[in-house]
Amino acid sequence: MSTHHWYQSALRPPGMLKLALETRLGWEYAATVAARPLLSLAPKGDGHPVLVLPGMLAGDLTTRPLRRYLKRQGYTPYSWEQGLNLGPREGVIEACIERLKSIYLEHERSVSLIGWSLGGLYARELAKALPDAVRSVITMGTPFTGHPKATNAWRVYEFVTGHKIGDDDLHEPLRTPPPVPTTSVFSRTDGIVSWHCSREMPTEHSESIEVKASHLGMGMNPLTLYVIADRLAQPEGEWQPFQRPALLSCLYPDPYRD
């Protein structure tokens, strides 16, 4: 697949049908509650800290189900504690860096970062700024590549942040993956972000995993939670790409198929 195709194939945001399907987030949460006994069988953690960053116009309340699951699986989860995510306004990135440093120094262990949508951009950039403090990065529905206006939220982003979409100096650096193990979780039925914008090119330390989920419900979807548990449970320094479970291959399709 050419670089041009990879980066520029997503020229339009998701259509109205996919956008309407975002209403299924309630069903996704209910499915997670029902699947709790099965999710508990996912690989267990080693207690290392995990910082979870919410999406645009969202706060720590939206990531609470994920953080509760991480705690049950044996991790030490942290919220970002900055209220609603209103974009990279003055002081936000600096506060994220200080929070990451504080967690790293408290545990004397590297920190895994999980970012939902816009929060995933923060996670990726934090890992670039402080790679020695970051163990791994997992993003969910994060638009780091493709066309910058291939989302149904770009006008909201411009209104909230005052930043104009389309500035190459702003967007081009976001395409580069962090220098740590990085997993991008995306859905072809995402109604907010074109899935092309969330599909990472595979390298020796980066990958994409496709799930069947909405954008607004991705962080509370049982398929996503299993992936997160599987990725976080890998021993530090021994990262390997995701191996789709044989019995669940239909739930995790090949992310690089045409």
C-alpha atoms as a PDB file:
ATOM      1  CA  MET A   1       0.000   0.000   0.000  1.00  0.00           C
ATOM      2  CA  SER A   2       1.530   3.342  -1.039  1.00  0.00           C
ATOM      3  CA  THR A   3       2.207   6.110   1.454  1.00  0.00           C
ATOM      4  CA  HIS A   4       0.019   8.436  -0.604  1.00  0.00           C
ATOM      5  CA  HIS A   5      -2.907   6.018  -0.434  1.00  0.00           C
ATOM      6  CA  TRP A   6      -2.322   5.342   3.253  1.00  0.00           C
ATOM      7  CA  TYR A   7      -2.386   8.995   4.269  1.00  0.00           C
ATOM      8  CA  GLN A   8      -4.778  10.526   1.755  1.00  0.00           C
ATOM      9  CA  SER A   9      -7.441   7.870   1.133  1.00  0.00           C
ATOM     10  CA  ALA A  10      -9.688   9.251   3.864  1.00  0.00           C
ATOM     11  CA  LEU A  11     -10.994  12.437   2.292  1.00  0.00           C
ATOM     12  CA  ARG A  12     -14.478  12.441   3.778  1.00  0.00           C
ATOM     13  CA  PRO A  13     -15.916  12.004   7.269  1.00  0.00           C
ATOM     14  CA  PRO A  14     -18.144   8.994   8.035  1.00  0.00           C
ATOM     15  CA  GLY A  15     -21.616   9.153   6.499  1.00  0.00           C
ATOM     16  CA  MET A  16     -24.940   9.713   8.217  1.00  0.00           C
ATOM     17  CA  LEU A  17     -25.653   5.991   8.681  1.00  0.00           C
ATOM     18  CA  LYS A  18     -22.446   5.441  10.620  1.00  0.00           C
ATOM     19  CA  LEU A  19     -23.073   8.614  12.579  1.00  0.00           C
ATOM     20  CA  ALA A  20     -26.557   7.356  13.508  1.00  0.00           C
ATOM     21  CA  LEU A  21     -25.016   4.074  14.696  1.00  0.00           C
ATOM     22  CA  GLU A  22     -23.171   5.992  17.425  1.00  0.00           C
ATOM     23  CA  THR A  23     -26.349   5.593  19.474  1.00  0.00           C
ATOM     24  CA  ARG A  24     -25.342   1.967  20.147  1.00  0.00           C
ATOM     25  CA  LEU A  25     -22.894   3.020  22.865  1.00  0.00           C
ATOM     26  CA  GLY A  26     -25.457   2.056  25.509  1.00  0.00           C
ATOM     27  CA  TRP A  27     -25.577  -1.468  24.101  1.00  0.00           C
ATOM     28  CA  GLU A  28     -21.798  -1.631  24.123  1.00  0.00           C
ATOM     29  CA  TYR A  29     -21.657  -0.763  27.802  1.00  0.00           C
ATOM     30  CA  ALA A  30     -24.386  -3.316  28.531  1.00  0.00           C
ATOM     31  CA  ALA A  31     -22.409  -5.926  26.591  1.00  0.00           C
ATOM     32  CA  THR A  32     -19.371  -5.187  28.740  1.00  0.00           C
ATOM     33  CA  VAL A  33     -21.376  -5.659  31.924  1.00  0.00           C
ATOM     34  CA  ALA A  34     -22.708  -8.965  30.607  1.00  0.00           C
ATOM     35  CA  ALA A  35     -19.246 -10.075  29.489  1.00  0.00           C
ATOM     36  CA  ARG A  36     -17.535  -9.253  32.782  1.00  0.00           C
ATOM     37  CA  PRO A  37     -16.936 -12.930  33.729  1.00  0.00           C
ATOM     38  CA  LEU A  38     -15.310 -13.555  30.337  1.00  0.00           C
ATOM     39  CA  LEU A  39     -13.298 -10.336  30.436  1.00  0.00           C
ATOM     40  CA  SER A  40     -11.891 -11.359  33.799  1.00  0.00           C
ATOM     41  CA  LEU A  41     -10.196 -14.261  31.996  1.00  0.00           C
ATOM     42  CA  ALA A  42      -8.071 -11.874  29.922  1.00  0.00           C
ATOM     43  CA  PRO A  43      -4.333 -11.716  30.726  1.00  0.00           C
ATOM     44  CA  LYS A  44      -3.674 -10.198  34.158  1.00  0.00           C
ATOM     45  CA  GLY A  45      -1.491  -7.204  34.839  1.00  0.00           C
ATOM     46  CA  ASP A  46       1.713  -6.718  36.774  1.00  0.00           C
ATOM     47  CA  GLY A  47       0.594  -3.653  38.711  1.00  0.00           C
ATOM     48  CA  HIS A  48       2.294  -1.065  36.515  1.00  0.00           C
ATOM     49  CA  PRO A  49       0.665   2.390  36.269  1.00  0.00           C
ATOM     50  CA  VAL A  50      -1.638   3.333  33.399  1.00  0.00           C
ATOM     51  CA  LEU A  51      -2.665   6.918  32.610  1.00  0.00           C
ATOM     52  CA  VAL A  52      -5.997   7.217  30.753  1.00  0.00           C
ATOM     53  CA  LEU A  53      -6.763  10.345  28.685  1.00  0.00           C
ATOM     54  CA  PRO A  54     -10.355  11.166  27.575  1.00  0.00           C
ATOM     55  CA  GLY A  55     -11.629  12.346  24.217  1.00  0.00           C
ATOM     56  CA  MET A  56     -12.733  15.815  23.161  1.00  0.00           C
ATOM     57  CA  LEU A  57     -15.485  17.365  25.311  1.00  0.00           C
ATOM     58  CA  ALA A  58     -15.206  14.332  27.608  1.00  0.00           C
ATOM     59  CA  GLY A  59     -13.750  13.956  31.086  1.00  0.00           C
ATOM     60  CA  ASP A  60     -12.681  11.344  33.576  1.00  0.00           C
ATOM     61  CA  LEU A  61     -16.263  10.132  34.049  1.00  0.00           C
ATOM     62  CA  THR A  62     -16.227   8.638  30.533  1.00  0.00           C
ATOM     63  CA  THR A  63     -13.068   6.629  31.241  1.00  0.00           C
ATOM     64  CA  ARG A  64     -14.218   5.335  34.633  1.00  0.00           C
ATOM     65  CA  PRO A  65     -15.506   1.949  33.303  1.00  0.00           C
ATOM     66  CA  LEU A  66     -12.149   1.369  31.596  1.00  0.00           C
ATOM     67  CA  ARG A  67     -10.169   2.366  34.683  1.00  0.00           C
ATOM     68  CA  ARG A  68     -12.274   0.094  36.883  1.00  0.00           C
ATOM     69  CA  TYR A  69     -11.590  -2.793  34.543  1.00  0.00           C
ATOM     70  CA  LEU A  70      -7.867  -2.052  34.564  1.00  0.00           C
ATOM     71  CA  LYS A  71      -7.855  -2.076  38.357  1.00  0.00           C
ATOM     72  CA  ARG A  72      -9.636  -5.447  38.448  1.00  0.00           C
ATOM     73  CA  GLN A  73      -7.071  -6.828  36.008  1.00  0.00           C
ATOM     74  CA  GLY A  74      -4.170  -5.852  38.218  1.00  0.00           C
ATOM     75  CA  TYR A  75      -3.037  -2.422  37.055  1.00  0.00           C
ATOM     76  CA  THR A  76      -2.799   0.940  38.812  1.00  0.00           C
ATOM     77  CA  PRO A  77      -4.940   3.253  36.671  1.00  0.00           C
ATOM     78  CA  TYR A  78      -4.873   7.058  36.782  1.00  0.00           C
ATOM     79  CA  SER A  79      -7.263   9.654  35.376  1.00  0.00           C
ATOM     80  CA  TRP A  80      -5.973  12.824  33.751  1.00  0.00           C
ATOM     81  CA  GLU A  81      -7.675  15.179  36.293  1.00  0.00           C
ATOM     82  CA  GLN A  82      -8.081  18.207  34.016  1.00  0.00           C
ATOM     83  CA  GLY A  83     -11.851  18.321  33.719  1.00  0.00           C
ATOM     84  CA  LEU A  84     -13.312  18.258  30.226  1.00  0.00           C
ATOM     85  CA  ASN A  85     -10.907  17.838  27.343  1.00  0.00           C
ATOM     86  CA  LEU A  86     -11.318  21.112  25.474  1.00  0.00           C
ATOM     87  CA  GLY A  87      -8.334  20.579  23.246  1.00  0.00           C
ATOM     88  CA  PRO A  88      -4.662  21.501  23.548  1.00  0.00           C
ATOM     89  CA  ARG A  89      -5.307  24.926  25.043  1.00  0.00           C
ATOM     90  CA  GLU A  90      -2.594  26.753  26.957  1.00  0.00           C
ATOM     91  CA  GLY A  91      -1.141  24.681  29.783  1.00  0.00           C
ATOM     92  CA  VAL A  92      -2.863  21.375  28.977  1.00  0.00           C
ATOM     93  CA  ILE A  93       0.074  19.522  27.455  1.00  0.00           C
ATOM     94  CA  GLU A  94       2.368  20.874  30.164  1.00  0.00           C
ATOM     95  CA  ALA A  95      -0.026  19.585  32.835  1.00  0.00           C
ATOM     96  CA  CYS A  96      -0.129  16.152  31.134  1.00  0.00           C
ATOM     97  CA  ILE A  97       3.661  16.029  31.098  1.00  0.00           C
ATOM     98  CA  GLU A  98       3.822  16.892  34.813  1.00  0.00           C
ATOM     99  CA  ARG A  99       1.191  14.262  35.619  1.00  0.00           C
ATOM    100  CA  LEU A 100       3.132  11.635  33.689  1.00  0.00           C
ATOM    101  CA  LYS A 101       6.376  12.606  35.429  1.00  0.00           C
ATOM    102  CA  SER A 102       4.691  12.450  38.837  1.00  0.00           C
ATOM    103  CA  ILE A 103       3.276   8.960  38.230  1.00  0.00           C
ATOM    104  CA  TYR A 104       6.602   7.743  36.833  1.00  0.00           C
ATOM    105  CA  LEU A 105       8.543   9.022  39.853  1.00  0.00           C
ATOM    106  CA  GLU A 106       5.969   7.719  42.357  1.00  0.00           C
ATOM    107  CA  HIS A 107       6.108   4.162  40.995  1.00  0.00           C
ATOM    108  CA  GLU A 108       9.679   4.224  39.698  1.00  0.00           C
ATOM    109  CA  ARG A 109       8.271   2.331  36.730  1.00  0.00           C
ATOM    110  CA  SER A 110       7.403   3.341  33.195  1.00  0.00           C
ATOM    111  CA  VAL A 111       3.765   4.243  32.555  1.00  0.00           C
ATOM    112  CA  SER A 112       1.408   2.903  29.887  1.00  0.00           C
ATOM    113  CA  LEU A 113      -0.732   5.554  28.199  1.00  0.00           C
ATOM    114  CA  ILE A 114      -4.261   5.003  26.882  1.00  0.00           C
ATOM    115  CA  GLY A 115      -5.940   7.773  24.915  1.00  0.00           C
ATOM    116  CA  TRP A 116      -9.456   7.901  23.543  1.00  0.00           C
ATOM    117  CA  SER A 117      -9.889   9.913  20.317  1.00  0.00           C
ATOM    118  CA  LEU A 118      -8.224  13.322  20.911  1.00  0.00           C
ATOM    119  CA  GLY A 119      -6.766  11.915  24.122  1.00  0.00           C
ATOM    120  CA  GLY A 120      -4.829   9.478  21.950  1.00  0.00           C
ATOM    121  CA  LEU A 121      -3.031  12.362  20.252  1.00  0.00           C
ATOM    122  CA  TYR A 122      -1.940  13.553  23.689  1.00  0.00           C
ATOM    123  CA  ALA A 123      -0.758  10.043  24.543  1.00  0.00           C
ATOM    124  CA  ARG A 124       1.300   9.757  21.371  1.00  0.00           C
ATOM    125  CA  GLU A 125       2.921  13.154  21.848  1.00  0.00           C
ATOM    126  CA  LEU A 126       3.632  12.510  25.534  1.00  0.00           C
ATOM    127  CA  ALA A 127       5.447   9.326  24.552  1.00  0.00           C
ATOM    128  CA  LYS A 128       7.547  11.285  22.064  1.00  0.00           C
ATOM    129  CA  ALA A 129       8.386  13.901  24.681  1.00  0.00           C
ATOM    130  CA  LEU A 130       9.191  11.439  27.512  1.00  0.00           C
ATOM    131  CA  PRO A 131       9.935   8.047  25.923  1.00  0.00           C
ATOM    132  CA  ASP A 132      11.921   6.797  28.919  1.00  0.00           C
ATOM    133  CA  ALA A 133       8.869   7.281  31.158  1.00  0.00           C
ATOM    134  CA  VAL A 134       6.435   5.489  28.817  1.00  0.00           C
ATOM    135  CA  ARG A 135       6.046   1.725  28.560  1.00  0.00           C
ATOM    136  CA  SER A 136       3.471   1.598  25.760  1.00  0.00           C
ATOM    137  CA  VAL A 137       0.744   3.619  24.053  1.00  0.00           C
ATOM    138  CA  ILE A 138      -2.769   2.468  23.150  1.00  0.00           C
ATOM    139  CA  THR A 139      -5.136   4.763  21.256  1.00  0.00           C
ATOM    140  CA  MET A 140      -8.836   4.296  20.495  1.00  0.00           C
ATOM    141  CA  GLY A 141     -10.384   5.962  17.439  1.00  0.00           C
ATOM    142  CA  THR A 142      -7.599   8.550  17.342  1.00  0.00           C
ATOM    143  CA  PRO A 143      -7.251  10.589  14.112  1.00  0.00           C
ATOM    144  CA  PHE A 144      -3.480  10.856  13.716  1.00  0.00           C
ATOM    145  CA  THR A 145      -3.279  10.338   9.942  1.00  0.00           C
ATOM    146  CA  GLY A 146      -5.466  10.586   6.835  1.00  0.00           C
ATOM    147  CA  HIS A 147      -7.142  13.845   5.905  1.00  0.00           C
ATOM    148  CA  PRO A 148      -7.441  16.244   8.882  1.00  0.00           C
ATOM    149  CA  LYS A 149     -11.073  17.035   8.053  1.00  0.00           C
ATOM    150  CA  ALA A 150     -12.172  13.406   7.658  1.00  0.00           C
ATOM    151  CA  THR A 151     -14.089  13.503  10.922  1.00  0.00           C
ATOM    152  CA  ASN A 152     -17.542  14.663  11.945  1.00  0.00           C
ATOM    153  CA  ALA A 153     -16.013  16.667  14.785  1.00  0.00           C
ATOM    154  CA  TRP A 154     -13.573  19.000  13.046  1.00  0.00           C
ATOM    155  CA  ARG A 155     -15.879  22.025  13.203  1.00  0.00           C
ATOM    156  CA  VAL A 156     -16.452  21.393  16.907  1.00  0.00           C
ATOM    157  CA  TYR A 157     -12.697  21.108  17.382  1.00  0.00           C
ATOM    158  CA  GLU A 158     -12.092  24.454  15.658  1.00  0.00           C
ATOM    159  CA  PHE A 159     -14.832  26.137  17.706  1.00  0.00           C
ATOM    160  CA  VAL A 160     -13.620  24.757  21.044  1.00  0.00           C
ATOM    161  CA  THR A 161      -9.876  25.204  20.514  1.00  0.00           C
ATOM    162  CA  GLY A 162      -9.619  28.123  18.118  1.00  0.00           C
ATOM    163  CA  HIS A 163      -7.159  26.077  16.020  1.00  0.00           C
ATOM    164  CA  LYS A 164      -7.668  25.857  12.273  1.00  0.00           C
ATOM    165  CA  ILE A 165      -7.732  22.353  10.794  1.00  0.00           C
ATOM    166  CA  GLY A 166      -5.377  21.757   7.876  1.00  0.00           C
ATOM    167  CA  ASP A 167      -2.130  23.385   9.043  1.00  0.00           C
ATOM    168  CA  ASP A 168       0.655  21.027   7.875  1.00  0.00           C
ATOM    169  CA  ASP A 169       2.997  22.274  10.599  1.00  0.00           C
ATOM    170  CA  LEU A 170       0.433  21.113  13.171  1.00  0.00           C
ATOM    171  CA  HIS A 171      -0.775  17.855  11.595  1.00  0.00           C
ATOM    172  CA  GLU A 172       2.259  16.382   9.842  1.00  0.00           C
ATOM    173  CA  PRO A 173       4.252  15.602  13.033  1.00  0.00           C
ATOM    174  CA  LEU A 174       1.234  13.721  14.430  1.00  0.00           C
ATOM    175  CA  ARG A 175       1.589  11.025  11.764  1.00  0.00           C
ATOM    176  CA  THR A 176       4.902   9.784  13.171  1.00  0.00           C
ATOM    177  CA  PRO A 177       4.366   6.960  15.703  1.00  0.00           C
ATOM    178  CA  PRO A 178       5.990   7.233  19.135  1.00  0.00           C
ATOM    179  CA  PRO A 179       9.327   5.470  19.771  1.00  0.00           C
ATOM    180  CA  VAL A 180       7.618   2.989  22.118  1.00  0.00           C
ATOM    181  CA  PRO A 181       5.250   0.022  21.491  1.00  0.00           C
ATOM    182  CA  THR A 182       2.107   1.581  20.044  1.00  0.00           C
ATOM    183  CA  THR A 183      -1.305   0.066  19.325  1.00  0.00           C
ATOM    184  CA  SER A 184      -4.080   1.860  17.475  1.00  0.00           C
ATOM    185  CA  VAL A 185      -7.562   0.414  18.018  1.00  0.00           C
ATOM    186  CA  PHE A 186     -10.017   1.484  15.323  1.00  0.00           C
ATOM    187  CA  SER A 187     -13.416   0.584  13.887  1.00  0.00           C
ATOM    188  CA  ARG A 188     -14.600   0.700  10.276  1.00  0.00           C
ATOM    189  CA  THR A 189     -18.045   1.597  11.639  1.00  0.00           C
ATOM    190  CA  ASP A 190     -16.725   4.595  13.593  1.00  0.00           C
ATOM    191  CA  GLY A 191     -19.297   7.344  13.060  1.00  0.00           C
ATOM    192  CA  ILE A 192     -17.106  10.255  14.153  1.00  0.00           C
ATOM    193  CA  VAL A 193     -13.620   9.602  12.750  1.00  0.00           C
ATOM    194  CA  SER A 194     -12.957   8.026   9.355  1.00  0.00           C
ATOM    195  CA  TRP A 195     -11.301   4.707  10.135  1.00  0.00           C
ATOM    196  CA  HIS A 196      -8.480   5.458   7.678  1.00  0.00           C
ATOM    197  CA  CYS A 197      -7.370   8.232  10.033  1.00  0.00           C
ATOM    198  CA  SER A 198      -6.855   5.766  12.897  1.00  0.00           C
ATOM    199  CA  ARG A 199      -5.050   2.951  11.092  1.00  0.00           C
ATOM    200  CA  GLU A 200      -1.364   2.853  11.959  1.00  0.00           C
ATOM    201  CA  MET A 201       1.243   1.526   9.566  1.00  0.00           C
ATOM    202  CA  PRO A 202       2.741  -1.695  10.968  1.00  0.00           C
ATOM    203  CA  THR A 203       6.359  -1.468  12.135  1.00  0.00           C
ATOM    204  CA  GLU A 204       8.527  -3.415  14.557  1.00  0.00           C
ATOM    205  CA  HIS A 205       6.845  -1.580  17.439  1.00  0.00           C
ATOM    206  CA  SER A 206       3.495  -0.311  16.106  1.00  0.00           C
ATOM    207  CA  GLU A 207       0.270  -1.974  14.985  1.00  0.00           C
ATOM    208  CA  SER A 208      -3.429  -1.525  14.348  1.00  0.00           C
ATOM    209  CA  ILE A 209      -6.243  -3.669  15.712  1.00  0.00           C
ATOM    210  CA  GLU A 210      -9.755  -3.484  14.291  1.00  0.00           C
ATOM    211  CA  VAL A 211     -12.786  -3.923  16.528  1.00  0.00           C
ATOM    212  CA  LYS A 212     -16.513  -3.733  15.901  1.00  0.00           C
ATOM    213  CA  ALA A 213     -17.409  -0.626  17.894  1.00  0.00           C
ATOM    214  CA  SER A 214     -18.782   2.878  17.788  1.00  0.00           C
ATOM    215  CA  HIS A 215     -16.518   5.856  18.397  1.00  0.00           C
ATOM    216  CA  LEU A 216     -18.383   7.048  21.489  1.00  0.00           C
ATOM    217  CA  GLY A 217     -18.570   3.536  22.939  1.00  0.00           C
ATOM    218  CA  MET A 218     -15.133   2.249  21.977  1.00  0.00           C
ATOM    219  CA  GLY A 219     -13.627   2.715  25.424  1.00  0.00           C
ATOM    220  CA  MET A 220     -16.373   0.684  27.061  1.00  0.00           C
ATOM    221  CA  ASN A 221     -16.728  -1.982  24.384  1.00  0.00           C
ATOM    222  CA  PRO A 222     -15.839  -5.537  25.527  1.00  0.00           C
ATOM    223  CA  LEU A 223     -13.798  -6.206  22.369  1.00  0.00           C
ATOM    224  CA  THR A 224     -11.685  -3.138  23.067  1.00  0.00           C
ATOM    225  CA  LEU A 225     -11.247  -3.999  26.740  1.00  0.00           C
ATOM    226  CA  TYR A 226      -9.935  -7.457  25.876  1.00  0.00           C
ATOM    227  CA  VAL A 227      -7.425  -5.959  23.444  1.00  0.00           C
ATOM    228  CA  ILE A 228      -6.244  -3.459  26.043  1.00  0.00           C
ATOM    229  CA  ALA A 229      -5.775  -6.192  28.662  1.00  0.00           C
ATOM    230  CA  ASP A 230      -3.864  -8.331  26.170  1.00  0.00           C
ATOM    231  CA  ARG A 231      -1.557  -5.496  25.097  1.00  0.00           C
ATOM    232  CA  LEU A 232      -0.813  -4.214  28.604  1.00  0.00           C
ATOM    233  CA  ALA A 233      -0.015  -7.695  29.937  1.00  0.00           C
ATOM    234  CA  GLN A 234       3.062  -8.123  27.768  1.00  0.00           C
ATOM    235  CA  PRO A 235       6.336  -8.118  29.719  1.00  0.00           C
ATOM    236  CA  GLU A 236       8.171  -4.828  29.401  1.00  0.00           C
ATOM    237  CA  GLY A 237      10.695  -4.953  26.596  1.00  0.00           C
ATOM    238  CA  GLU A 238       9.111  -8.040  25.021  1.00  0.00           C
ATOM    239  CA  TRP A 239       6.388  -6.469  22.902  1.00  0.00           C
ATOM    240  CA  GLN A 240       4.904  -8.552  20.085  1.00  0.00           C
ATOM    241  CA  PRO A 241       2.073  -7.743  17.632  1.00  0.00           C
ATOM    242  CA  PHE A 242      -1.447  -8.806  18.574  1.00  0.00           C
ATOM    243  CA  GLN A 243      -2.303 -12.407  17.787  1.00  0.00           C
ATOM    244  CA  ARG A 244      -5.988 -12.756  17.039  1.00  0.00           C
ATOM    245  CA  PRO A 245      -7.463 -15.577  19.162  1.00  0.00           C
ATOM    246  CA  ALA A 246      -8.428 -18.458  16.882  1.00  0.00           C
ATOM    247  CA  LEU A 247     -11.904 -18.734  18.363  1.00  0.00           C
ATOM    248  CA  LEU A 248     -12.431 -14.967  18.144  1.00  0.00           C
ATOM    249  CA  SER A 249     -10.913 -14.240  14.741  1.00  0.00           C
ATOM    250  CA  CYS A 250     -14.310 -13.222  13.374  1.00  0.00           C
ATOM    251  CA  LEU A 251     -14.494 -10.504  16.049  1.00  0.00           C
ATOM    252  CA  TYR A 252     -11.043  -9.158  15.219  1.00  0.00           C
ATOM    253  CA  PRO A 253     -10.789  -9.003  11.405  1.00  0.00           C
ATOM    254  CA  ASP A 254      -7.538  -8.385   9.564  1.00  0.00           C
ATOM    255  CA  PRO A 255      -7.013  -4.615   9.949  1.00  0.00           C
ATOM    256  CA  TYR A 256      -4.934  -4.368   6.772  1.00  0.00           C
ATOM    257  CA  ARG A 257      -7.359  -5.988   4.364  1.00  0.00           C
ATOM    258  CA  ASP A 258      -8.456  -3.896   1.393  1.00  0.00           C
END
